[in-house]
Amino acid sequence: MKLYYSPASPFASKVRATVIECGLQEQVSLVATNPHESQPDFVAINPFSKIPVLVLDDGAALFESYFICEYLDSIAGGGVVLPKQGQDRRAVLHKHMLGNGVMEAAVLRRVESLRGKDPDREKNIARQITIIGRGLDCIEAEADKLGQGPGLGNLCIAIALSYLDFRFGADQWRSGRQRLAKWHEQYAARPAIAETAPRAP
């Protein structure tokens, strides 16, 4: 299998962390890709020209980070990063929802920051900052319940926080969120997170 990714993408980092947690490193080769260039070969794989994309050995291409993670978990036997059913699965999906929401808002903020000085730019950035703050506050309120397990929710939250450090380090997201900050400090040392933290290409 081939995973098309960018080291700066938190969504790709989530999939790469899942590969590690599922023990699939030998089965997945990484292909660094700049989706903004929309190269014909890549667009032929994913017409939306977005990453990550997982191309299976039979040539089928999987889009969307959650779907890819779910597939990787299934071929690893299931229940590695996603419990198979019940309350445990719902709890992991709840954490994933929160982490992914922060991740999406942070990426949108980054995209807006690269736009020209159109009239809505600063307003749109401010909106994403507010959304990120609300999301972090929700996670802080549940920080004592996060634990140190390899669930996809934890992976997603940790990578979202690492992405904030990478892109918006001056924001000091830890201020007023001591429990979440302590959790991230510990969890970020996990190999799957340390090895896949978003970084410049």
Protein backbone atom coordinates (compact mmCIF):
# COMPACT_ATOMS: atom_id res chain seq x y z
CA MET A 1 0.00 0.00 0.00
CA LYS A 2 1.07 3.58 -0.64
CA LEU A 3 0.16 6.53 1.57
CA TYR A 4 0.29 9.92 -0.12
CA TYR A 5 0.95 12.54 2.53
CA SER A 6 2.56 15.83 3.47
CA PRO A 7 4.54 16.11 6.73
CA ALA A 8 2.74 19.39 7.44
CA SER A 9 -0.76 17.89 7.25
CA PRO A 10 -2.31 16.92 10.60
CA PHE A 11 -4.81 14.71 8.79
CA ALA A 12 -1.95 12.79 7.22
CA SER A 13 -0.23 12.65 10.60
CA LYS A 14 -3.35 11.02 12.05
CA VAL A 15 -3.18 8.29 9.42
CA ARG A 16 0.57 7.82 9.83
CA ALA A 17 0.12 7.48 13.60
CA THR A 18 -2.55 4.86 12.98
CA VAL A 19 -0.17 2.95 10.71
CA ILE A 20 2.34 2.82 13.57
CA GLU A 21 -0.18 1.87 16.26
CA CYS A 22 -1.53 -0.89 14.02
CA GLY A 23 1.97 -2.22 13.30
CA LEU A 24 1.59 -1.79 9.55
CA GLN A 25 4.80 0.11 8.79
CA GLU A 26 6.14 -2.70 6.63
CA GLN A 27 2.96 -2.77 4.58
CA VAL A 28 2.61 0.97 3.93
CA SER A 29 5.12 3.01 1.95
CA LEU A 30 5.05 6.80 2.24
CA VAL A 31 4.89 9.08 -0.78
CA ALA A 32 5.49 12.75 0.04
CA THR A 33 3.08 14.86 -1.98
CA ASN A 34 2.18 18.53 -2.40
CA PRO A 35 -1.57 18.42 -3.13
CA HIS A 36 -1.63 22.12 -4.03
CA GLU A 37 0.36 21.41 -7.17
CA SER A 38 -2.43 19.12 -8.47
CA GLN A 39 -0.01 17.01 -10.48
CA PRO A 40 -1.84 14.93 -13.13
CA ASP A 41 -0.65 11.63 -11.66
CA PHE A 42 -1.98 12.54 -8.23
CA VAL A 43 -5.27 13.97 -9.51
CA ALA A 44 -5.79 10.69 -11.37
CA ILE A 45 -5.70 8.99 -7.96
CA ASN A 46 -7.76 11.58 -6.10
CA PRO A 47 -9.75 14.03 -8.23
CA PHE A 48 -10.09 16.34 -5.19
CA SER A 49 -6.28 16.67 -4.97
CA LYS A 50 -6.30 16.29 -1.19
CA ILE A 51 -4.21 14.28 1.20
CA PRO A 52 -4.01 11.79 2.74
CA VAL A 53 -4.78 9.13 0.17
CA LEU A 54 -4.13 5.42 0.70
CA VAL A 55 -3.71 3.39 -2.47
CA LEU A 56 -4.29 -0.30 -1.90
CA ASP A 57 -2.34 -3.06 -3.57
CA ASP A 58 -5.21 -3.61 -6.01
CA GLY A 59 -5.08 0.05 -7.08
CA ALA A 60 -8.16 1.21 -5.17
CA ALA A 61 -7.74 4.63 -3.55
CA LEU A 62 -9.19 5.56 -0.17
CA PHE A 63 -9.77 9.25 0.69
CA GLU A 64 -10.57 10.99 3.99
CA SER A 65 -8.43 10.43 7.06
CA TYR A 66 -11.07 8.80 9.25
CA PHE A 67 -12.07 6.30 6.56
CA ILE A 68 -8.41 5.40 6.00
CA CYS A 69 -7.81 4.94 9.74
CA GLU A 70 -10.88 2.74 10.01
CA TYR A 71 -9.64 0.60 7.13
CA LEU A 72 -6.14 0.28 8.61
CA ASP A 73 -7.62 -0.76 11.94
CA SER A 74 -9.72 -3.41 10.22
CA ILE A 75 -6.79 -5.03 8.41
CA ALA A 76 -4.84 -5.02 11.68
CA GLY A 77 -7.57 -7.20 13.16
CA GLY A 78 -9.90 -4.51 14.46
CA GLY A 79 -10.07 -2.91 17.86
CA VAL A 80 -6.55 -1.47 17.79
CA VAL A 81 -7.38 2.23 17.51
CA LEU A 82 -11.14 1.84 17.10
CA PRO A 83 -13.13 -0.38 19.45
CA LYS A 84 -15.40 -2.64 17.45
CA GLN A 85 -18.67 -1.65 19.08
CA GLY A 86 -20.52 -0.35 22.07
CA GLN A 87 -19.81 2.36 24.59
CA ASP A 88 -16.04 2.15 24.15
CA ARG A 89 -16.31 2.85 20.44
CA ARG A 90 -18.65 5.77 21.03
CA ALA A 91 -16.23 7.24 23.59
CA VAL A 92 -13.34 7.05 21.11
CA LEU A 93 -15.45 8.59 18.35
CA HIS A 94 -16.47 11.40 20.70
CA LYS A 95 -12.83 12.26 21.35
CA HIS A 96 -12.08 11.98 17.65
CA MET A 97 -14.90 14.40 16.90
CA LEU A 98 -13.41 16.99 19.28
CA GLY A 99 -9.85 16.57 18.06
CA ASN A 100 -10.84 16.59 14.43
CA GLY A 101 -12.92 19.73 14.94
CA VAL A 102 -9.92 21.57 16.34
CA MET A 103 -7.79 20.21 13.52
CA GLU A 104 -10.20 21.38 10.82
CA ALA A 105 -10.52 24.88 12.30
CA ALA A 106 -6.74 25.18 12.65
CA VAL A 107 -6.18 24.19 9.03
CA LEU A 108 -8.85 26.66 7.88
CA ARG A 109 -7.13 29.36 9.91
CA ARG A 110 -3.84 28.52 8.24
CA VAL A 111 -5.44 28.68 4.80
CA GLU A 112 -7.02 32.06 5.57
CA SER A 113 -3.67 33.42 6.79
CA LEU A 114 -2.17 32.72 3.37
CA ARG A 115 -4.86 34.59 1.47
CA GLY A 116 -4.52 38.10 0.18
CA LYS A 117 -5.86 40.99 2.22
CA ASP A 118 -9.46 40.61 1.17
CA PRO A 119 -12.12 42.22 3.40
CA ASP A 120 -13.20 39.00 5.12
CA ARG A 121 -9.75 37.60 5.85
CA GLU A 122 -9.30 38.85 9.42
CA LYS A 123 -12.92 38.12 10.29
CA ASN A 124 -12.57 34.55 9.07
CA ILE A 125 -9.33 34.07 11.00
CA ALA A 126 -10.91 35.43 14.18
CA ARG A 127 -13.83 33.03 13.77
CA GLN A 128 -11.53 30.02 13.50
CA ILE A 129 -9.54 31.17 16.53
CA THR A 130 -12.77 31.33 18.52
CA ILE A 131 -13.82 27.88 17.33
CA ILE A 132 -10.43 26.40 18.26
CA GLY A 133 -10.66 27.95 21.71
CA ARG A 134 -14.12 26.50 22.31
CA GLY A 135 -12.96 23.09 21.16
CA LEU A 136 -9.92 23.17 23.42
CA ASP A 137 -12.06 24.19 26.37
CA CYS A 138 -14.32 21.19 25.75
CA ILE A 139 -11.31 18.86 25.67
CA GLU A 140 -9.83 20.48 28.78
CA ALA A 141 -13.08 19.77 30.62
CA GLU A 142 -12.66 16.08 29.75
CA ALA A 143 -8.87 15.89 30.06
CA ASP A 144 -8.94 13.62 33.10
CA LYS A 145 -10.82 11.03 31.05
CA LEU A 146 -8.48 10.94 28.06
CA GLY A 147 -6.08 8.32 29.36
CA GLN A 148 -2.93 7.19 27.58
CA GLY A 149 -4.40 4.51 25.32
CA PRO A 150 -3.87 4.28 21.53
CA GLY A 151 -7.45 5.10 20.54
CA LEU A 152 -8.02 7.17 17.44
CA GLY A 153 -9.59 9.92 19.54
CA ASN A 154 -6.42 10.36 21.58
CA LEU A 155 -4.25 10.26 18.47
CA CYS A 156 -6.40 12.92 16.83
CA ILE A 157 -6.41 15.23 19.85
CA ALA A 158 -2.65 14.92 20.35
CA ILE A 159 -1.91 15.64 16.70
CA ALA A 160 -4.30 18.60 16.66
CA LEU A 161 -2.43 20.08 19.63
CA SER A 162 0.93 19.39 18.00
CA TYR A 163 -0.34 21.14 14.87
CA LEU A 164 -1.25 24.21 16.94
CA ASP A 165 2.30 24.22 18.30
CA PHE A 166 3.66 23.89 14.76
CA ARG A 167 1.58 26.60 13.09
CA PHE A 168 0.51 28.89 15.92
CA GLY A 169 3.05 28.43 18.67
CA ALA A 170 2.72 32.02 19.84
CA ASP A 171 -0.93 31.49 20.76
CA GLN A 172 -0.12 29.72 24.04
CA TRP A 173 -3.07 27.34 23.87
CA ARG A 174 -1.90 25.80 27.16
CA SER A 175 -2.80 28.92 29.14
CA GLY A 176 -5.75 28.08 31.40
CA ARG A 177 -5.71 24.46 30.22
CA GLN A 178 -3.19 22.89 32.55
CA ARG A 179 -4.71 19.41 32.56
CA LEU A 180 -4.76 19.21 28.78
CA ALA A 181 -1.23 20.60 28.60
CA LYS A 182 0.03 17.95 31.02
CA TRP A 183 -1.77 15.20 29.11
CA HIS A 184 -0.28 16.35 25.80
CA GLU A 185 3.22 16.53 27.24
CA GLN A 186 2.97 12.89 28.26
CA TYR A 187 1.08 11.59 25.24
CA ALA A 188 3.25 13.41 22.70
CA ALA A 189 6.16 11.22 23.80
CA ARG A 190 4.33 8.20 22.40
CA PRO A 191 6.31 7.02 19.32
CA ALA A 192 3.27 7.20 17.04
CA ILE A 193 2.87 10.89 17.90
CA ALA A 194 6.52 11.88 18.24
CA GLU A 195 7.40 10.37 14.85
CA THR A 196 4.46 11.89 12.97
CA ALA A 197 4.09 15.36 14.53
CA PRO A 198 3.30 17.92 11.80
CA ARG A 199 6.41 19.67 10.52
CA ALA A 200 7.58 21.69 7.55
CA PRO A 201 8.17 19.66 4.37
